[in-house]
Amino acid sequence: MSYTPSEWRVIEPIATRAVEQSLTHPERRDLFLCHAWDDRASGAAELYERLQSNGASVWFSEKDVPLGKQLLREIDKGLRNSRVGIVLVTPALLKSIETEGIAEKELSVLLASGRVIPVAHGTTFEALREVSPMLASHAGLDTAESSLDAVAAKIAAAAAALTGAE
């Protein structure tokens, strides 16, 4: 997998921190997928499938919250047990952040961790800056510049390199 210099600047610092995580906590998943509720059956599911098919282990609420379990508690466990957070930034996520939905709570945790990669999909980083300047300040990937397949492959390849460092 090859990265542009700007893409590697996004991935490299997070990869370094994630390698440290993989050494101290090998049981953790590579990625936590933060998304808006409205995207769970579309963009988020597509990204999840592509990340999985490229070999990354991904925590995704649609697959990892068992029936009858408390959603927020399961999300809390997922955040704790993942090395890096991927935030799928869509128009629905921007709305969720503004209305302080569950994704906004996940985002707060991910921003505090310093291990977050925003992925703009169907929106722009400029629109994100209007809603969450802190998330927009993190370098990320954009499906307007690379396909969702290519973005997923790049993130998964970085995650695979992390687990190979163990």
Protein backbone atom coordinates (compact mmCIF):
# COMPACT_ATOMS: atom_id res chain seq x y z
CA MET A 1 0.00 0.00 0.00
CA SER A 2 1.37 3.41 -0.88
CA TYR A 3 0.40 6.69 0.72
CA THR A 4 0.78 10.24 -0.46
CA PRO A 5 2.99 12.33 1.84
CA SER A 6 -0.07 14.08 3.29
CA GLU A 7 -1.84 10.75 3.90
CA TRP A 8 1.24 9.36 5.66
CA ARG A 9 1.32 12.45 7.89
CA VAL A 10 -2.23 11.46 8.92
CA ILE A 11 -1.45 7.81 9.54
CA GLU A 12 2.11 7.81 10.94
CA PRO A 13 1.63 9.51 14.35
CA ILE A 14 -1.49 7.50 15.06
CA ALA A 15 0.25 4.33 13.92
CA THR A 16 3.09 5.00 16.34
CA ARG A 17 0.67 5.36 19.27
CA ALA A 18 -1.30 2.33 18.13
CA VAL A 19 1.86 0.20 18.02
CA GLU A 20 2.42 1.08 21.66
CA GLN A 21 -1.20 0.06 22.35
CA SER A 22 -0.78 -3.23 20.48
CA LEU A 23 2.22 -4.12 22.63
CA THR A 24 0.53 -3.37 25.94
CA HIS A 25 -2.99 -4.51 24.93
CA PRO A 26 -2.83 -7.12 22.14
CA GLU A 27 -6.47 -8.10 22.74
CA ARG A 28 -7.79 -4.75 21.51
CA ARG A 29 -9.40 -4.28 18.12
CA ASP A 30 -7.55 -2.25 15.53
CA LEU A 31 -10.33 0.26 14.93
CA PHE A 32 -13.47 1.74 16.47
CA LEU A 33 -15.93 3.01 13.85
CA CYS A 34 -17.72 6.18 15.01
CA HIS A 35 -20.69 7.08 12.83
CA ALA A 36 -24.09 8.73 12.87
CA TRP A 37 -27.07 6.50 13.63
CA ASP A 38 -28.58 7.38 10.25
CA ASP A 39 -25.47 6.03 8.47
CA ARG A 40 -25.47 2.62 10.16
CA ALA A 41 -27.09 0.78 7.23
CA SER A 42 -25.34 2.72 4.47
CA GLY A 43 -21.97 4.51 4.59
CA ALA A 44 -20.88 3.11 7.95
CA ALA A 45 -21.82 -0.45 6.97
CA GLU A 46 -19.96 -0.04 3.66
CA LEU A 47 -16.82 1.25 5.40
CA TYR A 48 -17.02 -1.51 8.02
CA GLU A 49 -17.28 -4.21 5.33
CA ARG A 50 -14.38 -2.76 3.35
CA LEU A 51 -12.17 -2.46 6.44
CA GLN A 52 -12.99 -6.05 7.44
CA SER A 53 -12.37 -7.37 3.93
CA ASN A 54 -8.95 -5.71 4.03
CA GLY A 55 -8.06 -7.52 7.27
CA ALA A 56 -8.69 -4.90 9.97
CA SER A 57 -10.50 -5.84 13.17
CA VAL A 58 -13.24 -3.25 13.66
CA TRP A 59 -15.65 -2.47 16.49
CA PHE A 60 -18.97 -1.52 14.86
CA SER A 61 -22.11 -1.03 16.94
CA GLU A 62 -24.31 -2.77 14.37
CA LYS A 63 -22.27 -5.96 14.81
CA ASP A 64 -20.97 -5.65 18.36
CA VAL A 65 -23.90 -4.61 20.54
CA PRO A 66 -25.79 -7.76 21.57
CA LEU A 67 -29.57 -7.68 21.82
CA GLY A 68 -30.74 -6.67 25.27
CA LYS A 69 -27.48 -4.94 26.19
CA GLN A 70 -27.25 -1.28 27.15
CA LEU A 71 -26.05 0.62 24.06
CA LEU A 72 -23.99 3.31 25.81
CA ARG A 73 -22.25 0.78 28.06
CA GLU A 74 -21.33 -1.41 25.07
CA ILE A 75 -20.03 1.63 23.18
CA ASP A 76 -17.92 2.52 26.23
CA LYS A 77 -16.40 -0.97 26.17
CA GLY A 78 -15.81 -0.72 22.43
CA LEU A 79 -14.00 2.59 22.83
CA ARG A 80 -11.86 1.17 25.62
CA ASN A 81 -10.99 -1.94 23.62
CA SER A 82 -9.96 -0.31 20.33
CA ARG A 83 -6.60 1.13 19.36
CA VAL A 84 -7.67 3.84 16.89
CA GLY A 85 -10.93 5.63 16.18
CA ILE A 86 -12.21 6.21 12.68
CA VAL A 87 -14.87 8.94 12.50
CA LEU A 88 -17.05 8.68 9.40
CA VAL A 89 -17.89 12.34 8.79
CA THR A 90 -21.14 12.62 6.84
CA PRO A 91 -23.94 15.19 6.79
CA ALA A 92 -25.79 12.98 9.31
CA LEU A 93 -22.77 12.95 11.65
CA LEU A 94 -22.50 16.74 11.48
CA LYS A 95 -26.15 16.95 12.51
CA SER A 96 -25.60 14.41 15.30
CA ILE A 97 -22.69 16.43 16.69
CA GLU A 98 -24.77 19.60 16.69
CA THR A 99 -27.65 17.89 18.51
CA GLU A 100 -25.26 16.15 20.93
CA GLY A 101 -26.24 12.63 19.93
CA ILE A 102 -24.36 9.44 20.78
CA ALA A 103 -21.77 10.03 18.05
CA GLU A 104 -20.89 13.35 19.72
CA LYS A 105 -20.16 11.47 22.95
CA GLU A 106 -17.98 8.94 21.10
CA LEU A 107 -16.19 11.80 19.39
CA SER A 108 -15.37 13.44 22.74
CA VAL A 109 -13.67 10.26 23.91
CA LEU A 110 -11.78 9.79 20.65
CA LEU A 111 -10.55 13.37 20.61
CA ALA A 112 -9.26 12.98 24.16
CA SER A 113 -7.37 9.83 23.15
CA GLY A 114 -5.39 11.54 20.40
CA ARG A 115 -5.92 8.45 18.23
CA VAL A 116 -8.55 9.56 15.73
CA ILE A 117 -8.75 9.68 11.94
CA PRO A 118 -11.65 11.57 10.39
CA VAL A 119 -12.92 10.29 7.04
CA ALA A 120 -15.00 12.83 5.13
CA HIS A 121 -17.70 11.09 3.09
CA GLY A 122 -20.34 13.14 1.30
CA THR A 123 -19.22 16.32 3.03
CA THR A 124 -16.10 18.41 3.42
CA PHE A 125 -13.58 19.24 6.09
CA GLU A 126 -14.73 22.86 5.76
CA ALA A 127 -18.26 21.82 6.77
CA LEU A 128 -16.78 19.79 9.63
CA ARG A 129 -14.80 22.83 10.80
CA GLU A 130 -18.09 24.70 11.25
CA VAL A 131 -19.40 22.00 13.61
CA SER A 132 -16.27 20.53 15.24
CA PRO A 133 -13.10 22.56 14.84
CA MET A 134 -11.25 20.09 17.08
CA LEU A 135 -12.02 17.10 14.85
CA ALA A 136 -11.39 19.14 11.71
CA SER A 137 -7.96 20.04 13.07
CA HIS A 138 -6.97 16.36 12.76
CA ALA A 139 -5.62 15.41 9.38
CA GLY A 140 -7.86 12.85 7.73
CA LEU A 141 -8.89 11.15 4.54
CA ASP A 142 -11.57 12.23 2.10
CA THR A 143 -13.64 9.99 -0.18
CA ALA A 144 -13.91 12.91 -2.63
CA GLU A 145 -10.15 12.52 -3.21
CA SER A 146 -9.93 8.71 -2.95
CA SER A 147 -12.69 6.14 -3.24
CA LEU A 148 -14.18 4.57 -0.11
CA ASP A 149 -12.43 1.36 -1.19
CA ALA A 150 -9.05 3.11 -1.35
CA VAL A 151 -9.59 4.88 1.99
CA ALA A 152 -10.55 1.60 3.67
CA ALA A 153 -7.57 -0.19 2.13
CA LYS A 154 -5.17 2.49 3.38
CA ILE A 155 -6.58 2.44 6.90
CA ALA A 156 -6.66 -1.38 6.99
CA ALA A 157 -3.08 -1.61 5.65
CA ALA A 158 -1.92 0.71 8.42
CA ALA A 159 -3.85 -1.39 10.97
CA ALA A 160 -2.29 -4.59 9.60
CA ALA A 161 1.17 -3.05 9.92
CA LEU A 162 0.35 -2.26 13.54
CA THR A 163 -0.59 -5.79 14.44
CA GLY A 164 2.51 -7.06 12.63
CA ALA A 165 4.62 -4.98 15.01
CA GLU A 166 3.56 -7.01 18.03
